[in-house]
Amino acid sequence: MKTYLLNSAILGLLLITVSISNTAIAGLIENTDNDSFIDLSTGIEWMDFGINNGESYDYVSSQTIVGGEYEGWQLATSNQVYQMWANAFLGLNSNFENPDFFGVGQLKVVDGMRKDGSVFSPIFEAMGFNTVIDLYSADTRYSKGMFEGINGLSFVEAKERIGMYNNWLDDDIVQIIDSSNNDYYKQNGHVEFSTMLVKTNEVPEPSTLAIFALAMMGLLSHQTKREVR
């Protein structure tokens, strides 16, 4: 009876481990109730678009210190931005997808033409927007996220058009353009621009989880052999 309970516990833990590992690889974006979203493939939490828009990059950066407005957050690195944008928008069966459209890792993905909405819509809802322009019963939702890029301040961009027949006529577009210097905006905020901030919540890497799963399988096998004897 004890052996059966032990085996059941190990098997249950193994299934949970495999499930977590698969979730981590999925690259899904999860909404939170904290004005943020999480990239499940990395465990990194990102501040929603629309929270610090209108504030300059330098101001937001100065407020990440202890006692600052954005205490606990830190500036996103270019590697983190590239990875999150790829995890969020590549592999969704969109109309057009090029992971290196503007340069290595600088993706452009387009979807929505002649369809009601796009595959991006649930992701946009989780991430939020900087501006929503209501024009002729149609909304244009637009965001730019600032980060320190290859040659200075760079952007990710997201645009969604919804309402009436307009989402049949206009594509939703997401892209990274990291080929020019936009340091002017470091000291000048704009309602359409957010500074990309992250919280790095440590989670087990998929490789670590796989090793743990193998160890559990080994323990289960060893216990079964003992029972047979």
Protein backbone atom coordinates (compact mmCIF):
# COMPACT_ATOMS: atom_id res chain seq x y z
CA MET A 1 0.00 0.00 0.00
CA LYS A 2 2.84 2.39 0.90
CA THR A 3 4.59 1.56 -2.36
CA TYR A 4 1.40 2.27 -4.33
CA LEU A 5 0.93 5.64 -2.64
CA LEU A 6 4.57 6.58 -3.24
CA ASN A 7 4.33 5.60 -6.90
CA SER A 8 1.12 7.57 -7.31
CA ALA A 9 2.68 10.64 -5.70
CA ILE A 10 5.77 10.42 -7.91
CA LEU A 11 3.66 9.94 -11.03
CA GLY A 12 1.48 12.91 -10.14
CA LEU A 13 4.53 15.09 -9.54
CA LEU A 14 6.00 13.93 -12.84
CA LEU A 15 2.83 14.88 -14.73
CA ILE A 16 2.81 18.31 -13.11
CA THR A 17 6.47 18.79 -14.00
CA VAL A 18 5.92 17.85 -17.64
CA SER A 19 2.89 20.13 -17.80
CA ILE A 20 4.89 23.09 -16.46
CA SER A 21 7.69 22.37 -18.91
CA ASN A 22 5.30 22.32 -21.87
CA THR A 23 3.66 25.55 -20.71
CA ALA A 24 7.04 27.25 -20.46
CA ILE A 25 7.87 26.34 -24.06
CA ALA A 26 4.51 27.53 -25.39
CA GLY A 27 5.49 31.20 -25.49
CA LEU A 28 2.03 32.44 -24.41
CA ILE A 29 1.32 35.88 -23.02
CA GLU A 30 -0.69 35.91 -19.80
CA ASN A 31 -2.57 38.93 -18.46
CA THR A 32 -2.40 39.89 -14.78
CA ASP A 33 -4.37 42.18 -12.49
CA ASN A 34 -1.26 44.30 -11.79
CA ASP A 35 -1.12 46.44 -14.96
CA SER A 36 1.26 43.89 -16.40
CA PHE A 37 1.54 40.75 -18.49
CA ILE A 38 3.83 37.72 -18.27
CA ASP A 39 5.77 35.93 -20.99
CA LEU A 40 5.25 32.35 -19.80
CA SER A 41 8.25 31.08 -21.78
CA THR A 42 10.65 33.16 -19.68
CA GLY A 43 8.64 34.03 -16.56
CA ILE A 44 9.45 37.71 -17.12
CA GLU A 45 6.72 40.16 -16.13
CA TRP A 46 6.24 43.24 -18.35
CA MET A 47 4.53 46.51 -17.52
CA ASP A 48 1.42 47.07 -19.66
CA PHE A 49 1.51 49.61 -22.45
CA GLY A 50 -0.34 52.74 -21.38
CA ILE A 51 1.02 52.89 -17.81
CA ASN A 52 4.07 55.12 -18.23
CA ASN A 53 3.33 56.55 -21.68
CA GLY A 54 3.67 60.32 -21.86
CA GLU A 55 6.72 60.18 -19.59
CA SER A 56 10.25 60.42 -20.95
CA TYR A 57 12.60 57.44 -21.00
CA ASP A 58 15.00 59.26 -18.66
CA TYR A 59 12.23 60.04 -16.17
CA VAL A 60 10.93 56.46 -16.09
CA SER A 61 14.49 55.17 -15.71
CA SER A 62 15.04 57.51 -12.74
CA GLN A 63 11.91 56.17 -11.03
CA THR A 64 13.01 52.51 -10.86
CA ILE A 65 15.10 53.19 -7.75
CA VAL A 66 13.99 52.42 -4.19
CA GLY A 67 11.19 54.83 -3.33
CA GLY A 68 10.60 55.72 -6.96
CA GLU A 69 7.30 55.58 -8.81
CA TYR A 70 8.38 52.34 -10.54
CA GLU A 71 10.29 50.71 -7.72
CA GLY A 72 10.74 46.99 -8.33
CA TRP A 73 10.84 47.41 -12.11
CA GLN A 74 13.90 47.68 -14.33
CA LEU A 75 14.61 48.75 -17.89
CA ALA A 76 14.15 45.92 -20.39
CA THR A 77 17.26 44.87 -22.28
CA SER A 78 17.23 44.56 -26.06
CA ASN A 79 17.60 40.76 -25.74
CA GLN A 80 14.54 40.60 -23.49
CA VAL A 81 12.53 42.76 -25.90
CA TYR A 82 13.50 40.73 -28.96
CA GLN A 83 12.68 37.46 -27.21
CA MET A 84 9.33 38.58 -25.80
CA TRP A 85 8.15 40.10 -29.10
CA ALA A 86 9.10 36.90 -30.94
CA ASN A 87 7.45 34.67 -28.32
CA ALA A 88 4.28 36.74 -28.50
CA PHE A 89 3.83 37.13 -32.25
CA LEU A 90 5.74 34.50 -34.22
CA GLY A 91 4.13 31.18 -35.13
CA LEU A 92 0.51 32.35 -34.98
CA ASN A 93 -0.35 31.54 -38.61
CA SER A 94 -0.70 35.22 -39.45
CA ASN A 95 -1.02 36.55 -43.00
CA PHE A 96 2.61 37.67 -43.15
CA GLU A 97 5.51 36.79 -40.88
CA ASN A 98 9.18 37.65 -41.26
CA PRO A 99 11.39 37.30 -38.16
CA ASP A 100 14.22 39.34 -39.72
CA PHE A 101 12.34 41.89 -41.84
CA PHE A 102 14.31 44.96 -40.67
CA GLY A 103 17.46 43.05 -39.63
CA VAL A 104 18.34 39.98 -37.57
CA GLY A 105 15.60 39.49 -34.99
CA GLN A 106 13.77 42.63 -36.10
CA LEU A 107 10.47 41.02 -36.98
CA LYS A 108 7.45 42.26 -38.86
CA VAL A 109 4.16 40.35 -38.56
CA VAL A 110 0.89 41.33 -40.25
CA ASP A 111 -2.61 39.88 -39.87
CA GLY A 112 -6.29 40.74 -40.13
CA MET A 113 -6.95 41.74 -43.72
CA ARG A 114 -10.40 40.57 -44.85
CA LYS A 115 -11.03 38.96 -41.48
CA ASP A 116 -13.03 40.01 -38.44
CA GLY A 117 -10.19 40.77 -36.07
CA SER A 118 -6.77 39.12 -36.09
CA VAL A 119 -4.75 36.46 -34.28
CA PHE A 120 -3.07 39.31 -32.36
CA SER A 121 -6.24 40.49 -30.61
CA PRO A 122 -5.95 38.38 -27.41
CA ILE A 123 -2.28 39.37 -27.07
CA PHE A 124 -3.08 43.05 -27.55
CA GLU A 125 -5.78 42.80 -24.89
CA ALA A 126 -3.23 41.39 -22.44
CA MET A 127 -0.54 43.97 -23.26
CA GLY A 128 -2.73 47.06 -23.43
CA PHE A 129 -2.29 50.15 -25.65
CA ASN A 130 -0.82 53.61 -25.31
CA THR A 131 -3.47 55.41 -27.35
CA VAL A 132 -6.94 54.63 -28.69
CA ILE A 133 -8.18 56.97 -31.41
CA ASP A 134 -11.92 56.83 -32.08
CA LEU A 135 -12.69 57.94 -35.62
CA TYR A 136 -15.84 57.23 -37.64
CA SER A 137 -17.04 54.45 -35.33
CA ALA A 138 -13.68 52.68 -35.58
CA ASP A 139 -10.88 52.49 -33.03
CA THR A 140 -7.20 52.59 -33.91
CA ARG A 141 -5.15 51.25 -31.02
CA TYR A 142 -1.49 52.10 -31.16
CA SER A 143 1.63 51.58 -29.03
CA LYS A 144 5.37 52.10 -29.20
CA GLY A 145 7.66 50.57 -26.61
CA MET A 146 11.06 52.21 -26.06
CA PHE A 147 14.20 50.23 -25.23
CA GLU A 148 17.97 50.67 -25.52
CA GLY A 149 18.81 49.12 -28.89
CA ILE A 150 21.83 48.58 -31.11
CA ASN A 151 22.39 52.23 -32.04
CA GLY A 152 20.53 54.01 -29.28
CA LEU A 153 16.88 54.26 -28.27
CA SER A 154 14.68 51.99 -30.41
CA PHE A 155 11.06 50.84 -30.58
CA VAL A 156 8.68 47.95 -30.85
CA GLU A 157 5.39 48.92 -32.43
CA ALA A 158 1.85 47.54 -32.37
CA LYS A 159 -1.25 48.73 -34.27
CA GLU A 160 -4.79 47.34 -34.26
CA ARG A 161 -7.81 48.67 -36.12
CA ILE A 162 -11.25 47.59 -34.90
CA GLY A 163 -14.85 48.62 -35.47
CA MET A 164 -17.40 48.33 -38.27
CA TYR A 165 -15.84 47.24 -41.57
CA ASN A 166 -12.46 48.86 -40.90
CA ASN A 167 -10.87 45.72 -39.53
CA TRP A 168 -11.58 44.16 -42.92
CA LEU A 169 -9.68 46.93 -44.70
CA ASP A 170 -6.68 47.48 -42.41
CA ASP A 171 -4.12 45.01 -41.19
CA ASP A 172 -2.96 44.68 -37.61
CA ILE A 173 0.82 45.13 -37.53
CA VAL A 174 3.56 44.39 -35.00
CA GLN A 175 7.26 45.03 -35.61
CA ILE A 176 10.66 45.80 -34.15
CA ILE A 177 12.68 48.59 -35.73
CA ASP A 178 16.14 48.69 -34.19
CA SER A 179 18.12 50.36 -36.96
CA SER A 180 18.16 54.04 -36.02
CA ASN A 181 18.95 56.30 -33.08
CA ASN A 182 15.93 57.85 -31.34
CA ASP A 183 17.73 59.27 -28.30
CA TYR A 184 15.74 62.50 -28.72
CA TYR A 185 12.87 60.80 -26.92
CA LYS A 186 14.98 60.02 -23.88
CA GLN A 187 14.18 63.48 -22.54
CA ASN A 188 10.84 64.03 -24.25
CA GLY A 189 7.78 61.97 -23.45
CA HIS A 190 4.94 61.29 -25.87
CA VAL A 191 1.47 59.86 -25.32
CA GLU A 192 2.15 57.11 -27.88
CA PHE A 193 5.45 55.98 -26.31
CA SER A 194 6.02 53.68 -23.32
CA THR A 195 9.30 52.78 -21.71
CA MET A 196 9.50 48.97 -21.54
CA LEU A 197 9.93 47.81 -17.94
CA VAL A 198 10.30 44.28 -16.59
CA LYS A 199 10.37 42.25 -13.43
CA THR A 200 12.48 39.13 -13.74
CA ASN A 201 10.65 36.46 -11.76
CA GLU A 202 12.90 33.41 -11.60
CA VAL A 203 11.28 30.22 -12.91
CA PRO A 204 12.87 26.82 -13.60
CA GLU A 205 14.18 26.54 -17.13
CA PRO A 206 12.60 23.81 -19.30
CA SER A 207 15.92 21.94 -19.27
CA THR A 208 15.95 21.93 -15.47
CA LEU A 209 12.39 20.66 -15.38
CA ALA A 210 13.26 17.92 -17.87
CA ILE A 211 16.15 16.76 -15.68
CA PHE A 212 13.85 16.75 -12.65
CA ALA A 213 11.29 14.71 -14.58
CA LEU A 214 13.93 12.13 -15.54
CA ALA A 215 15.00 11.88 -11.91
CA MET A 216 11.40 11.23 -10.88
CA MET A 217 11.10 8.55 -13.58
CA GLY A 218 14.26 6.90 -12.29
CA LEU A 219 12.98 6.90 -8.73
CA LEU A 220 9.67 5.41 -9.86
CA SER A 221 11.48 2.70 -11.83
CA HIS A 222 13.73 1.87 -8.88
CA GLN A 223 10.78 1.60 -6.52
CA THR A 224 8.95 -0.70 -8.97
CA LYS A 225 11.94 -3.03 -9.19
CA ARG A 226 12.12 -3.25 -5.40
CA GLU A 227 8.44 -4.20 -5.31
CA VAL A 228 8.96 -6.95 -7.89
CA ARG A 229 11.72 -8.50 -5.78
